[in-house]
N, C-alpha and C. Protein backbone atom coordinates (compact mmCIF):
# COMPACT_ATOMS: atom_id res chain seq x y z
N MET A 1 -13.26 19.39 2.91
CA MET A 1 -14.63 19.38 2.19
C MET A 1 -15.53 17.91 2.31
N GLN A 2 -16.85 17.64 2.92
CA GLN A 2 -17.29 16.56 3.33
C GLN A 2 -17.98 17.18 1.56
N ILE A 3 -18.91 15.53 1.52
CA ILE A 3 -19.57 15.12 0.30
C ILE A 3 -20.14 13.55 0.67
N SER A 4 -21.46 13.63 -0.16
CA SER A 4 -22.01 12.07 0.19
C SER A 4 -21.64 11.67 -1.33
N VAL A 5 -21.74 10.26 -0.86
CA VAL A 5 -21.43 9.66 -2.18
C VAL A 5 -22.11 8.01 -2.22
N ALA A 6 -22.99 7.88 -2.97
CA ALA A 6 -23.53 6.30 -3.12
C ALA A 6 -22.59 5.64 -4.31
N VAL A 7 -22.71 4.61 -3.32
CA VAL A 7 -21.68 3.16 -3.63
C VAL A 7 -22.83 2.52 -4.48
N LYS A 8 -22.58 2.31 -5.91
CA LYS A 8 -22.76 0.65 -5.75
C LYS A 8 -21.47 -0.50 -6.29
N PRO A 9 -21.40 -1.33 -5.51
CA PRO A 9 -20.41 -1.99 -5.03
C PRO A 9 -20.77 -3.54 -5.98
N GLY A 10 -19.83 -3.66 -6.68
CA GLY A 10 -19.79 -4.80 -7.77
C GLY A 10 -20.58 -4.33 -9.12
N SER A 11 -20.57 -3.92 -9.25
CA SER A 11 -20.25 -3.19 -10.67
C SER A 11 -20.21 -3.48 -11.67
N ARG A 12 -19.94 -3.75 -13.23
CA ARG A 12 -19.46 -4.09 -14.18
C ARG A 12 -19.13 -2.81 -14.97
N LYS A 13 -19.27 -1.59 -14.74
CA LYS A 13 -19.09 -0.18 -14.83
C LYS A 13 -17.89 0.11 -14.62
N GLY A 14 -17.86 -0.39 -12.98
CA GLY A 14 -16.34 -0.04 -12.24
C GLY A 14 -15.24 0.30 -13.09
N PRO A 15 -14.20 0.52 -12.19
CA PRO A 15 -14.25 2.16 -11.49
C PRO A 15 -14.96 2.88 -12.40
N LEU A 16 -15.58 3.98 -11.91
CA LEU A 16 -16.67 5.36 -12.29
C LEU A 16 -17.05 6.35 -11.54
N ILE A 17 -16.99 7.41 -11.75
CA ILE A 17 -17.27 8.33 -10.69
C ILE A 17 -18.31 9.00 -11.75
N GLU A 18 -19.51 9.32 -11.31
CA GLU A 18 -20.24 10.31 -11.89
C GLU A 18 -20.99 11.60 -11.21
N SER A 19 -21.07 12.82 -11.22
CA SER A 19 -21.60 13.81 -10.63
C SER A 19 -22.67 14.01 -10.25
N GLN A 20 -23.57 14.12 -8.91
CA GLN A 20 -25.21 14.49 -9.35
C GLN A 20 -24.99 16.00 -9.38
N THR A 21 -26.70 16.00 -10.19
CA THR A 21 -27.27 17.46 -9.95
C THR A 21 -26.81 18.09 -8.26
N ASP A 22 -27.55 17.20 -7.64
CA ASP A 22 -27.30 17.76 -6.37
C ASP A 22 -25.94 18.05 -5.07
N GLY A 23 -24.70 17.89 -6.04
CA GLY A 23 -23.42 17.95 -5.75
C GLY A 23 -22.95 16.24 -4.96
N SER A 24 -23.63 15.87 -5.36
CA SER A 24 -23.01 14.49 -4.58
C SER A 24 -22.80 13.50 -5.51
N LEU A 25 -21.51 12.39 -5.71
CA LEU A 25 -21.14 12.11 -5.95
C LEU A 25 -21.60 9.89 -6.51
N LEU A 26 -22.02 9.76 -7.73
CA LEU A 26 -22.92 8.45 -7.75
C LEU A 26 -21.24 7.28 -7.94
N VAL A 27 -20.64 6.22 -7.42
CA VAL A 27 -19.02 5.66 -7.66
C VAL A 27 -19.50 4.15 -7.77
N TYR A 28 -19.55 3.75 -8.90
CA TYR A 28 -19.36 2.61 -9.80
C TYR A 28 -17.90 1.57 -8.54
N LEU A 29 -18.51 0.45 -8.77
CA LEU A 29 -17.29 -0.56 -7.99
C LEU A 29 -17.31 -1.84 -8.49
N ARG A 30 -16.00 -1.93 -8.57
CA ARG A 30 -15.81 -3.61 -8.83
C ARG A 30 -16.04 -4.52 -7.41
N SER A 31 -15.25 -4.11 -6.99
CA SER A 31 -14.75 -5.04 -5.49
C SER A 31 -16.61 -4.65 -5.07
N ARG A 32 -16.87 -6.17 -4.25
CA ARG A 32 -18.05 -6.33 -3.31
C ARG A 32 -17.71 -5.85 -2.12
N ALA A 33 -18.78 -5.95 -1.52
CA ALA A 33 -18.62 -5.48 -0.12
C ALA A 33 -18.51 -6.25 0.48
N VAL A 34 -17.49 -7.07 1.08
CA VAL A 34 -17.08 -8.08 1.40
C VAL A 34 -15.60 -7.76 2.21
N GLU A 35 -15.70 -7.47 3.24
CA GLU A 35 -14.43 -7.06 4.28
C GLU A 35 -13.92 -5.72 3.97
N GLY A 36 -15.26 -5.09 3.79
CA GLY A 36 -14.20 -3.56 3.18
C GLY A 36 -13.32 -3.30 1.77
N ALA A 37 -13.44 -4.39 1.62
CA ALA A 37 -12.78 -4.16 -0.05
C ALA A 37 -13.54 -3.22 -0.34
N ALA A 38 -15.10 -2.62 -0.57
CA ALA A 38 -15.98 -2.22 -1.67
C ALA A 38 -14.99 -0.16 -0.66
N ASN A 39 -14.80 -0.68 0.22
CA ASN A 39 -13.95 1.02 1.14
C ASN A 39 -13.25 1.36 0.82
N LYS A 40 -12.14 0.17 1.16
CA LYS A 40 -10.72 0.38 0.12
C LYS A 40 -11.02 0.71 -1.44
N GLU A 41 -11.22 0.50 -1.82
CA GLU A 41 -11.13 0.51 -3.16
C GLU A 41 -11.61 2.00 -3.41
N LEU A 42 -12.76 2.70 -2.78
CA LEU A 42 -13.71 3.42 -2.90
C LEU A 42 -12.76 4.68 -2.73
N ILE A 43 -11.47 4.57 -1.40
CA ILE A 43 -10.78 5.82 -0.84
C ILE A 43 -10.13 5.54 -2.00
N GLU A 44 -9.51 4.38 -2.95
CA GLU A 44 -8.37 4.47 -3.79
C GLU A 44 -8.99 5.23 -4.80
N ILE A 45 -10.22 4.80 -5.63
CA ILE A 45 -10.21 6.08 -6.52
C ILE A 45 -10.81 7.53 -6.11
N LEU A 46 -11.36 7.66 -4.85
CA LEU A 46 -11.58 9.17 -4.63
C LEU A 46 -10.67 9.32 -4.59
N ALA A 47 -8.77 9.22 -4.39
CA ALA A 47 -7.82 9.52 -4.22
C ALA A 47 -7.51 10.13 -5.60
N VAL A 48 -7.53 9.27 -6.08
CA VAL A 48 -7.14 9.45 -7.73
C VAL A 48 -8.34 10.26 -8.32
N HIS A 49 -9.51 10.59 -8.02
CA HIS A 49 -10.31 11.87 -8.61
C HIS A 49 -10.13 13.17 -8.27
N PHE A 50 -9.84 13.10 -7.03
CA PHE A 50 -9.25 14.40 -6.54
C PHE A 50 -7.96 14.67 -6.61
N GLY A 51 -7.05 13.76 -6.76
CA GLY A 51 -5.49 14.27 -6.81
C GLY A 51 -5.14 14.55 -5.38
N VAL A 52 -5.57 13.88 -4.62
CA VAL A 52 -4.87 13.84 -3.28
C VAL A 52 -4.28 12.20 -2.70
N ALA A 53 -3.58 12.43 -1.64
CA ALA A 53 -3.07 10.81 -1.17
C ALA A 53 -4.03 10.52 -0.70
N LYS A 54 -4.07 8.48 -0.19
CA LYS A 54 -5.23 8.33 0.18
C LYS A 54 -5.45 8.54 1.48
N SER A 55 -4.39 9.01 2.59
CA SER A 55 -4.52 9.20 3.84
C SER A 55 -5.56 10.39 3.99
N LEU A 56 -5.75 11.67 2.91
CA LEU A 56 -6.68 12.39 3.23
C LEU A 56 -7.91 12.24 2.98
N ILE A 57 -8.25 11.21 2.96
CA ILE A 57 -9.84 10.57 2.58
C ILE A 57 -10.29 10.01 4.01
N GLU A 58 -11.31 10.34 4.21
CA GLU A 58 -11.99 9.04 5.20
C GLU A 58 -13.04 9.09 5.25
N ILE A 59 -14.28 8.21 5.66
CA ILE A 59 -15.19 7.82 5.57
C ILE A 59 -15.49 8.09 7.20
N VAL A 60 -16.44 8.97 7.08
CA VAL A 60 -17.29 9.80 8.24
C VAL A 60 -18.58 8.42 8.53
N GLY A 61 -19.04 8.58 8.00
CA GLY A 61 -20.37 8.34 7.81
C GLY A 61 -21.12 7.26 7.10
N GLY A 62 -21.58 5.97 7.23
CA GLY A 62 -22.12 5.32 6.52
C GLY A 62 -21.09 4.17 5.92
N ALA A 63 -20.27 3.54 7.04
CA ALA A 63 -19.28 2.82 6.83
C ALA A 63 -20.06 1.10 6.04
N THR A 64 -20.90 0.48 6.30
CA THR A 64 -21.76 0.00 6.27
C THR A 64 -23.19 0.09 5.10
N ALA A 65 -23.21 1.49 5.07
CA ALA A 65 -24.33 1.72 3.76
C ALA A 65 -24.02 1.88 2.51
N ARG A 66 -24.59 2.26 2.04
CA ARG A 66 -24.85 2.19 0.45
C ARG A 66 -24.24 3.79 -0.03
N ILE A 67 -25.30 4.45 1.28
CA ILE A 67 -24.85 6.24 1.31
C ILE A 67 -23.83 6.41 2.23
N LYS A 68 -22.54 6.59 2.01
CA LYS A 68 -21.42 7.58 2.39
C LYS A 68 -21.69 8.80 2.70
N ARG A 69 -20.90 8.96 3.70
CA ARG A 69 -20.29 10.69 3.55
C ARG A 69 -18.88 10.38 3.95
N VAL A 70 -18.21 11.32 3.26
CA VAL A 70 -16.71 11.23 3.36
C VAL A 70 -16.03 12.46 3.05
N VAL A 71 -15.09 12.39 4.21
CA VAL A 71 -14.67 13.84 4.39
C VAL A 71 -13.21 13.62 3.78
N VAL A 72 -12.54 14.72 2.65
CA VAL A 72 -11.58 15.13 2.01
C VAL A 72 -10.27 16.12 2.20
N ASP A 73 -9.90 16.02 2.95
CA ASP A 73 -8.78 16.94 2.63
C ASP A 73 -8.13 17.79 1.83
N ILE A 74 -8.52 18.36 1.22
CA ILE A 74 -7.50 19.09 0.08
C ILE A 74 -6.44 20.36 0.43
């Protein structure tokens, strides 16, 4: 399953996932976007959200952007 994820790094709200009306997700992260810390936290949060192992989640587009394409193997 491929989904679009908008990320808000360095947020005080996080970690939090909100579903959007278009089927995408808005994810608030505590980690800052430094040296991949936000991407690592994103994968951990999505793994818990979908109930899968972290190895089954991959960022396939937008690794350095705030809007990412993520593939989740369910």
